[in-house]
């Protein structure tokens, strides 16, 4: 998960063969709103549930994932490779992207999946901003 340029939170949730893309905006510390879409085309694969912990993702693995655009299962294969590693301590977790348990913090998580996910991200962002303008304009219009 991460935040986009507009401050919206991007979250990718995986469970088995299901992948959801979520774009949300925090209205206040107790309420957030957003939109989500389920990705199709992820192939089934039996993988044991991961242990919680920190696992750095090597830069070359990220680069390989970015080059394999258009295949949602590429992201899951990369994720499974990282989950095979033993968790490390916070002082040993080095790199720009680190997997924490089932939660990954990345500067651009949607780029890890595919070009189609970026198109979906734009659609989700547009829908979220339309809803924010309609229901919560104070969250995106600067005060004067």
N, C-alpha and C. Protein backbone atom coordinates (compact mmCIF):
# COMPACT_ATOMS: atom_id res chain seq x y z
N UNK A 1 0.83 -1.18 0.00
CA UNK A 1 0.00 0.00 0.00
C UNK A 1 0.88 1.24 0.00
N UNK A 2 0.33 2.34 -0.47
CA UNK A 2 1.04 3.60 -0.48
C UNK A 2 0.04 4.72 -0.73
N UNK A 3 0.54 5.93 -0.90
CA UNK A 3 -0.32 7.07 -1.23
C UNK A 3 0.08 7.58 -2.61
N UNK A 4 -0.95 7.97 -3.38
CA UNK A 4 -0.65 8.54 -4.69
C UNK A 4 -0.40 10.03 -4.54
N UNK A 5 -0.18 10.73 -5.64
CA UNK A 5 0.15 12.16 -5.61
C UNK A 5 -0.96 13.00 -5.00
N UNK A 6 -2.21 12.54 -5.12
CA UNK A 6 -3.34 13.30 -4.59
C UNK A 6 -3.58 13.00 -3.11
N UNK A 7 -2.80 12.09 -2.53
CA UNK A 7 -2.96 11.74 -1.13
C UNK A 7 -3.91 10.59 -0.87
N UNK A 8 -4.45 10.00 -1.94
CA UNK A 8 -5.32 8.84 -1.79
C UNK A 8 -4.47 7.62 -1.48
N UNK A 9 -5.00 6.73 -0.67
CA UNK A 9 -4.29 5.50 -0.32
C UNK A 9 -4.58 4.43 -1.35
N UNK A 10 -3.52 3.84 -1.91
CA UNK A 10 -3.63 2.70 -2.83
C UNK A 10 -3.32 1.43 -2.04
N UNK A 11 -4.21 0.46 -2.11
CA UNK A 11 -4.03 -0.79 -1.38
C UNK A 11 -4.27 -1.94 -2.34
N UNK A 12 -3.39 -2.93 -2.30
CA UNK A 12 -3.59 -4.17 -3.04
C UNK A 12 -3.79 -5.26 -2.00
N UNK A 13 -4.89 -6.00 -2.13
CA UNK A 13 -5.17 -7.09 -1.21
C UNK A 13 -5.17 -8.39 -2.00
N UNK A 14 -4.40 -9.36 -1.53
CA UNK A 14 -4.40 -10.68 -2.18
C UNK A 14 -4.86 -11.70 -1.17
N UNK A 15 -5.67 -12.63 -1.64
CA UNK A 15 -6.13 -13.74 -0.81
C UNK A 15 -6.33 -14.93 -1.75
N UNK A 16 -5.41 -15.89 -1.64
CA UNK A 16 -5.47 -17.01 -2.57
C UNK A 16 -5.28 -16.52 -3.99
N UNK A 17 -6.26 -16.79 -4.85
CA UNK A 17 -6.16 -16.36 -6.24
C UNK A 17 -6.86 -15.04 -6.50
N UNK A 18 -7.41 -14.43 -5.47
CA UNK A 18 -8.13 -13.17 -5.63
C UNK A 18 -7.21 -11.98 -5.37
N UNK A 19 -7.36 -10.94 -6.21
CA UNK A 19 -6.59 -9.70 -6.05
C UNK A 19 -7.57 -8.53 -6.18
N UNK A 20 -7.56 -7.64 -5.19
CA UNK A 20 -8.39 -6.46 -5.23
C UNK A 20 -7.50 -5.22 -5.20
N UNK A 21 -7.88 -4.21 -5.99
CA UNK A 21 -7.22 -2.91 -5.96
C UNK A 21 -8.19 -1.95 -5.26
N UNK A 22 -7.69 -1.25 -4.25
CA UNK A 22 -8.53 -0.34 -3.47
C UNK A 22 -7.90 1.04 -3.50
N UNK A 23 -8.71 2.03 -3.74
CA UNK A 23 -8.27 3.43 -3.68
C UNK A 23 -9.20 4.11 -2.69
N UNK A 24 -8.61 4.67 -1.61
CA UNK A 24 -9.45 5.28 -0.59
C UNK A 24 -8.87 6.62 -0.15
N UNK A 25 -9.73 7.41 0.47
CA UNK A 25 -9.35 8.73 0.95
C UNK A 25 -9.81 8.84 2.40
N UNK A 26 -8.93 9.31 3.26
CA UNK A 26 -9.26 9.47 4.68
C UNK A 26 -10.01 10.78 4.88
N UNK A 27 -11.25 10.66 5.34
CA UNK A 27 -12.07 11.84 5.61
C UNK A 27 -11.65 12.44 6.95
N UNK A 28 -11.48 11.58 7.94
CA UNK A 28 -10.98 11.96 9.26
C UNK A 28 -10.34 10.71 9.85
N UNK A 29 -9.75 10.78 11.03
CA UNK A 29 -9.07 9.59 11.57
C UNK A 29 -9.98 8.38 11.79
N UNK A 30 -11.29 8.58 11.76
CA UNK A 30 -12.22 7.49 12.02
C UNK A 30 -13.02 7.06 10.80
N UNK A 31 -12.85 7.75 9.68
CA UNK A 31 -13.66 7.43 8.51
C UNK A 31 -12.86 7.62 7.23
N UNK A 32 -12.95 6.64 6.37
CA UNK A 32 -12.37 6.78 5.03
C UNK A 32 -13.38 6.24 4.03
N UNK A 33 -13.30 6.73 2.80
CA UNK A 33 -14.18 6.30 1.72
C UNK A 33 -13.33 5.91 0.54
N UNK A 34 -13.88 5.06 -0.33
CA UNK A 34 -13.09 4.67 -1.48
C UNK A 34 -13.83 3.75 -2.41
N UNK A 35 -13.10 3.30 -3.42
CA UNK A 35 -13.62 2.37 -4.41
C UNK A 35 -12.63 1.23 -4.55
N UNK A 36 -13.15 0.07 -4.98
CA UNK A 36 -12.31 -1.09 -5.16
C UNK A 36 -12.73 -1.84 -6.41
N UNK A 37 -11.80 -2.60 -6.96
CA UNK A 37 -12.09 -3.44 -8.11
C UNK A 37 -11.34 -4.75 -7.95
N UNK A 38 -11.98 -5.83 -8.36
CA UNK A 38 -11.36 -7.14 -8.30
C UNK A 38 -10.71 -7.43 -9.64
N UNK A 39 -9.45 -7.84 -9.60
CA UNK A 39 -8.73 -8.18 -10.83
C UNK A 39 -9.05 -9.61 -11.22
N UNK A 40 -9.15 -9.84 -12.51
CA UNK A 40 -9.41 -11.18 -13.03
C UNK A 40 -8.17 -11.71 -13.71
N UNK A 41 -8.10 -13.01 -13.88
CA UNK A 41 -7.01 -13.62 -14.64
C UNK A 41 -5.85 -14.07 -13.80
N UNK A 42 -6.00 -14.11 -12.47
CA UNK A 42 -4.92 -14.60 -11.62
C UNK A 42 -5.09 -16.10 -11.49
N UNK A 43 -4.05 -16.84 -11.82
CA UNK A 43 -4.13 -18.30 -11.83
C UNK A 43 -3.98 -18.86 -10.42
N UNK A 44 -4.65 -19.99 -10.22
CA UNK A 44 -4.58 -20.64 -8.91
C UNK A 44 -3.23 -21.30 -8.72
N UNK A 45 -2.73 -21.20 -7.52
CA UNK A 45 -1.44 -21.78 -7.16
C UNK A 45 -1.46 -22.06 -5.67
N UNK A 46 -1.00 -23.24 -5.26
CA UNK A 46 -1.04 -23.53 -3.83
C UNK A 46 0.23 -23.03 -3.17
N UNK A 47 0.05 -22.09 -2.26
CA UNK A 47 1.16 -21.48 -1.53
C UNK A 47 0.79 -21.45 -0.06
N UNK A 48 1.70 -21.87 0.83
CA UNK A 48 1.38 -21.80 2.25
C UNK A 48 1.24 -20.36 2.71
N UNK A 49 0.47 -20.14 3.75
CA UNK A 49 0.31 -18.80 4.29
C UNK A 49 1.64 -18.30 4.83
N UNK A 50 1.98 -17.04 4.60
CA UNK A 50 3.29 -16.52 5.04
C UNK A 50 3.34 -16.25 6.53
N UNK A 51 4.54 -16.34 7.09
CA UNK A 51 4.78 -15.90 8.45
C UNK A 51 4.85 -14.38 8.43
N UNK A 52 4.47 -13.76 9.54
CA UNK A 52 4.58 -12.31 9.62
C UNK A 52 6.04 -11.93 9.84
N UNK A 53 6.44 -10.81 9.31
CA UNK A 53 7.79 -10.32 9.48
C UNK A 53 8.17 -9.39 8.34
N UNK A 54 9.40 -8.91 8.37
CA UNK A 54 9.92 -7.99 7.35
C UNK A 54 10.77 -8.77 6.36
N UNK A 55 10.52 -8.54 5.07
CA UNK A 55 11.31 -9.16 4.01
C UNK A 55 11.63 -8.11 2.96
N UNK A 56 12.90 -7.75 2.77
CA UNK A 56 13.23 -6.79 1.71
C UNK A 56 13.01 -7.43 0.34
N UNK A 57 12.55 -6.61 -0.61
CA UNK A 57 12.36 -7.08 -1.99
C UNK A 57 13.52 -6.53 -2.80
N UNK A 58 14.35 -7.42 -3.37
CA UNK A 58 15.51 -6.96 -4.15
C UNK A 58 15.09 -6.09 -5.33
N UNK A 59 15.90 -5.07 -5.61
CA UNK A 59 15.60 -4.13 -6.70
C UNK A 59 15.48 -4.85 -8.05
N UNK A 60 16.35 -5.86 -8.30
CA UNK A 60 16.27 -6.57 -9.58
C UNK A 60 14.97 -7.34 -9.71
N UNK A 61 14.44 -7.86 -8.59
CA UNK A 61 13.15 -8.55 -8.62
C UNK A 61 12.03 -7.56 -8.94
N UNK A 62 12.11 -6.36 -8.37
CA UNK A 62 11.11 -5.33 -8.68
C UNK A 62 11.18 -4.95 -10.15
N UNK A 63 12.39 -4.80 -10.68
CA UNK A 63 12.57 -4.44 -12.08
C UNK A 63 11.99 -5.52 -12.99
N UNK A 64 12.23 -6.79 -12.65
CA UNK A 64 11.67 -7.89 -13.45
C UNK A 64 10.15 -7.86 -13.41
N UNK A 65 9.59 -7.55 -12.25
CA UNK A 65 8.14 -7.47 -12.13
C UNK A 65 7.56 -6.34 -12.95
N UNK A 66 8.27 -5.22 -13.01
CA UNK A 66 7.80 -4.08 -13.80
C UNK A 66 7.89 -4.35 -15.30
N UNK A 67 8.87 -5.13 -15.71
CA UNK A 67 9.04 -5.43 -17.13
C UNK A 67 7.99 -6.42 -17.64
N UNK A 68 7.42 -7.23 -16.78
CA UNK A 68 6.44 -8.25 -17.18
C UNK A 68 5.03 -7.69 -17.08
N UNK A 69 4.76 -6.62 -17.81
CA UNK A 69 3.45 -5.97 -17.75
C UNK A 69 2.37 -6.83 -18.40
N UNK A 70 1.14 -6.64 -17.94
CA UNK A 70 0.00 -7.30 -18.56
C UNK A 70 -0.36 -8.64 -17.94
N UNK A 71 0.43 -9.16 -17.04
CA UNK A 71 0.16 -10.47 -16.45
C UNK A 71 0.01 -10.32 -14.94
N UNK A 72 -1.24 -10.31 -14.41
CA UNK A 72 -1.43 -10.13 -12.97
C UNK A 72 -0.76 -11.22 -12.14
N UNK A 73 -0.59 -12.40 -12.70
CA UNK A 73 0.02 -13.48 -11.92
C UNK A 73 1.52 -13.24 -11.70
N UNK A 74 2.13 -12.35 -12.49
CA UNK A 74 3.55 -12.02 -12.29
C UNK A 74 3.76 -11.43 -10.90
N UNK A 75 2.85 -10.54 -10.50
CA UNK A 75 2.95 -9.94 -9.17
C UNK A 75 2.88 -11.01 -8.09
N UNK A 76 1.94 -11.95 -8.23
CA UNK A 76 1.80 -12.99 -7.21
C UNK A 76 3.01 -13.92 -7.19
N UNK A 77 3.58 -14.22 -8.34
CA UNK A 77 4.79 -15.05 -8.38
C UNK A 77 5.94 -14.35 -7.65
N UNK A 78 6.10 -13.06 -7.91
CA UNK A 78 7.15 -12.28 -7.25
C UNK A 78 6.91 -12.27 -5.74
N UNK A 79 5.67 -12.05 -5.34
CA UNK A 79 5.32 -12.01 -3.93
C UNK A 79 5.64 -13.34 -3.26
N UNK A 80 5.33 -14.43 -3.92
CA UNK A 80 5.59 -15.76 -3.35
C UNK A 80 7.09 -16.02 -3.21
N UNK A 81 7.88 -15.53 -4.17
CA UNK A 81 9.34 -15.67 -4.05
C UNK A 81 9.86 -14.95 -2.82
N UNK A 82 9.35 -13.75 -2.60
CA UNK A 82 9.79 -12.97 -1.45
C UNK A 82 9.35 -13.65 -0.15
N UNK A 83 8.15 -14.21 -0.14
CA UNK A 83 7.64 -14.85 1.07
C UNK A 83 8.39 -16.12 1.43
N UNK A 84 9.15 -16.68 0.50
CA UNK A 84 9.96 -17.86 0.80
C UNK A 84 11.14 -17.50 1.70
N UNK A 85 11.53 -16.23 1.70
CA UNK A 85 12.64 -15.77 2.54
C UNK A 85 12.20 -15.76 4.01
N UNK A 86 13.15 -15.99 4.88
CA UNK A 86 12.89 -15.86 6.31
C UNK A 86 12.78 -14.38 6.65
N UNK A 87 11.87 -14.01 7.54
CA UNK A 87 11.78 -12.60 7.96
C UNK A 87 13.08 -12.15 8.63
N UNK A 88 13.37 -10.85 8.50
CA UNK A 88 14.58 -10.28 9.11
C UNK A 88 14.17 -9.20 10.10
N UNK A 89 15.14 -8.79 10.92
CA UNK A 89 14.87 -7.72 11.89
C UNK A 89 14.79 -6.38 11.18
N UNK A 90 14.26 -5.40 11.86
CA UNK A 90 14.12 -4.06 11.29
C UNK A 90 15.48 -3.50 10.87
N UNK A 91 16.52 -3.76 11.65
CA UNK A 91 17.85 -3.24 11.31
C UNK A 91 18.43 -3.91 10.07
N UNK A 92 17.96 -5.10 9.73
CA UNK A 92 18.45 -5.81 8.54
C UNK A 92 17.59 -5.55 7.31
N UNK A 93 16.42 -5.00 7.48
CA UNK A 93 15.49 -4.77 6.37
C UNK A 93 15.91 -3.53 5.61
N UNK A 94 16.68 -3.71 4.56
CA UNK A 94 17.18 -2.59 3.75
C UNK A 94 16.53 -2.63 2.37
N UNK A 95 16.36 -1.48 1.76
CA UNK A 95 15.84 -1.40 0.41
C UNK A 95 14.67 -0.43 0.33
N UNK A 96 14.24 -0.14 -0.90
CA UNK A 96 13.16 0.82 -1.09
C UNK A 96 11.79 0.20 -0.89
N UNK A 97 11.70 -1.12 -1.04
CA UNK A 97 10.42 -1.81 -0.88
C UNK A 97 10.61 -2.98 0.05
N UNK A 98 9.75 -3.05 1.05
CA UNK A 98 9.85 -4.10 2.07
C UNK A 98 8.48 -4.73 2.25
N UNK A 99 8.44 -6.04 2.29
CA UNK A 99 7.20 -6.75 2.56
C UNK A 99 7.12 -6.95 4.06
N UNK A 100 6.01 -6.53 4.65
CA UNK A 100 5.80 -6.70 6.08
C UNK A 100 4.60 -7.61 6.24
N UNK A 101 4.86 -8.86 6.68
CA UNK A 101 3.76 -9.81 6.82
C UNK A 101 3.01 -9.87 5.51
N UNK A 102 1.72 -9.77 5.55
CA UNK A 102 0.98 -9.73 4.30
C UNK A 102 0.80 -8.31 3.77
N UNK A 103 1.44 -7.31 4.38
CA UNK A 103 1.27 -5.92 3.95
C UNK A 103 2.56 -5.42 3.34
N UNK A 104 2.51 -4.88 2.14
CA UNK A 104 3.69 -4.38 1.47
C UNK A 104 3.56 -2.87 1.29
N UNK A 105 4.60 -2.14 1.65
CA UNK A 105 4.65 -0.70 1.45
C UNK A 105 5.57 -0.44 0.28
N UNK A 106 5.06 0.22 -0.73
CA UNK A 106 5.84 0.48 -1.94
C UNK A 106 5.50 1.86 -2.46
N UNK A 107 6.47 2.55 -3.06
CA UNK A 107 6.16 3.88 -3.60
C UNK A 107 5.07 3.85 -4.67
N UNK A 108 5.02 2.80 -5.48
CA UNK A 108 4.02 2.67 -6.54
C UNK A 108 3.57 1.21 -6.62
N UNK A 109 2.70 0.76 -5.72
CA UNK A 109 2.34 -0.65 -5.70
C UNK A 109 1.61 -1.13 -6.95
N UNK A 110 0.84 -0.23 -7.58
CA UNK A 110 0.10 -0.66 -8.76
C UNK A 110 1.02 -0.93 -9.94
N UNK A 111 2.20 -0.31 -9.97
CA UNK A 111 3.15 -0.58 -11.05
C UNK A 111 3.69 -2.00 -10.97
N UNK A 112 3.55 -2.65 -9.83
CA UNK A 112 4.06 -4.00 -9.68
C UNK A 112 3.18 -5.02 -10.37
N UNK A 113 1.97 -4.65 -10.72
CA UNK A 113 1.05 -5.63 -11.29
C UNK A 113 1.06 -5.60 -12.81
N UNK A 114 0.52 -4.56 -13.42
CA UNK A 114 0.44 -4.52 -14.88
C UNK A 114 0.02 -3.16 -15.37
N UNK A 115 0.08 -2.99 -16.67
CA UNK A 115 -0.38 -1.75 -17.30
C UNK A 115 -1.89 -1.61 -17.10
N UNK A 116 -2.62 -2.72 -17.17
CA UNK A 116 -4.07 -2.68 -16.96
C UNK A 116 -4.41 -2.15 -15.57
N UNK A 117 -3.56 -2.47 -14.59
CA UNK A 117 -3.84 -1.99 -13.24
C UNK A 117 -3.69 -0.48 -13.16
N UNK A 118 -2.78 0.08 -13.95
CA UNK A 118 -2.63 1.54 -13.96
C UNK A 118 -3.86 2.20 -14.57
N UNK A 119 -4.43 1.57 -15.61
CA UNK A 119 -5.66 2.09 -16.22
C UNK A 119 -6.81 2.00 -15.21
N UNK A 120 -6.87 0.90 -14.49
CA UNK A 120 -7.88 0.74 -13.46
C UNK A 120 -7.68 1.77 -12.35
N UNK A 121 -6.44 2.05 -12.00
CA UNK A 121 -6.13 3.05 -10.98
C UNK A 121 -6.69 4.41 -11.37
N UNK A 122 -6.55 4.79 -12.63
CA UNK A 122 -7.08 6.08 -13.11
C UNK A 122 -8.59 6.10 -12.97
N UNK A 123 -9.26 5.00 -13.32
CA UNK A 123 -10.72 4.94 -13.20
C UNK A 123 -11.15 5.05 -11.74
N UNK A 124 -10.47 4.31 -10.86
CA UNK A 124 -10.81 4.37 -9.44
C UNK A 124 -10.58 5.77 -8.87
N UNK A 125 -9.47 6.41 -9.29
CA UNK A 125 -9.15 7.76 -8.82
C UNK A 125 -10.22 8.75 -9.27
N UNK A 126 -10.65 8.65 -10.52
CA UNK A 126 -11.67 9.56 -11.03
C UNK A 126 -12.99 9.39 -10.28
N UNK A 127 -13.40 8.14 -10.04
CA UNK A 127 -14.63 7.88 -9.30
C UNK A 127 -14.53 8.40 -7.87
N UNK A 128 -13.38 8.17 -7.23
CA UNK A 128 -13.20 8.63 -5.86
C UNK A 128 -13.24 10.15 -5.80
N UNK A 129 -12.58 10.83 -6.71
CA UNK A 129 -12.58 12.30 -6.69
C UNK A 129 -13.96 12.87 -6.99
N UNK A 130 -14.74 12.21 -7.87
CA UNK A 130 -16.11 12.66 -8.12
C UNK A 130 -16.95 12.55 -6.84
N UNK A 131 -16.81 11.42 -6.14
CA UNK A 131 -17.55 11.23 -4.91
C UNK A 131 -17.11 12.24 -3.84
N UNK A 132 -15.81 12.48 -3.73
CA UNK A 132 -15.32 13.44 -2.75
C UNK A 132 -15.85 14.84 -3.05
N UNK A 133 -15.88 15.23 -4.31
CA UNK A 133 -16.41 16.56 -4.69
C UNK A 133 -17.88 16.67 -4.33
N UNK A 134 -18.61 15.59 -4.53
CA UNK A 134 -20.04 15.60 -4.27
C UNK A 134 -20.36 15.55 -2.78
N UNK A 135 -19.70 14.66 -2.04
CA UNK A 135 -20.07 14.43 -0.64
C UNK A 135 -19.14 15.09 0.39
N UNK A 136 -17.86 15.25 0.04
CA UNK A 136 -16.88 15.77 1.00
C UNK A 136 -15.98 16.81 0.34
N UNK A 137 -16.53 17.88 -0.22
CA UNK A 137 -15.69 18.84 -0.94
C UNK A 137 -14.63 19.49 -0.06
N UNK A 138 -14.89 19.57 1.24
CA UNK A 138 -13.94 20.19 2.15
C UNK A 138 -12.62 19.41 2.23
N UNK A 139 -12.62 18.15 1.82
CA UNK A 139 -11.40 17.34 1.90
C UNK A 139 -10.46 17.56 0.73
N UNK A 140 -10.97 18.13 -0.37
CA UNK A 140 -10.09 18.30 -1.53
C UNK A 140 -10.01 19.74 -2.05
N UNK A 141 -10.92 20.61 -1.60
CA UNK A 141 -10.86 22.01 -2.02
C UNK A 141 -10.15 22.79 -0.93
N UNK A 142 -9.10 23.53 -1.27
CA UNK A 142 -8.38 24.31 -0.24
C UNK A 142 -9.29 25.38 0.38
N UNK A 143 -9.07 25.63 1.65
CA UNK A 143 -9.82 26.69 2.34
C UNK A 143 -9.35 28.06 1.84
N UNK A 144 -10.27 28.99 1.78
CA UNK A 144 -9.93 30.33 1.34
C UNK A 144 -10.06 31.30 2.46
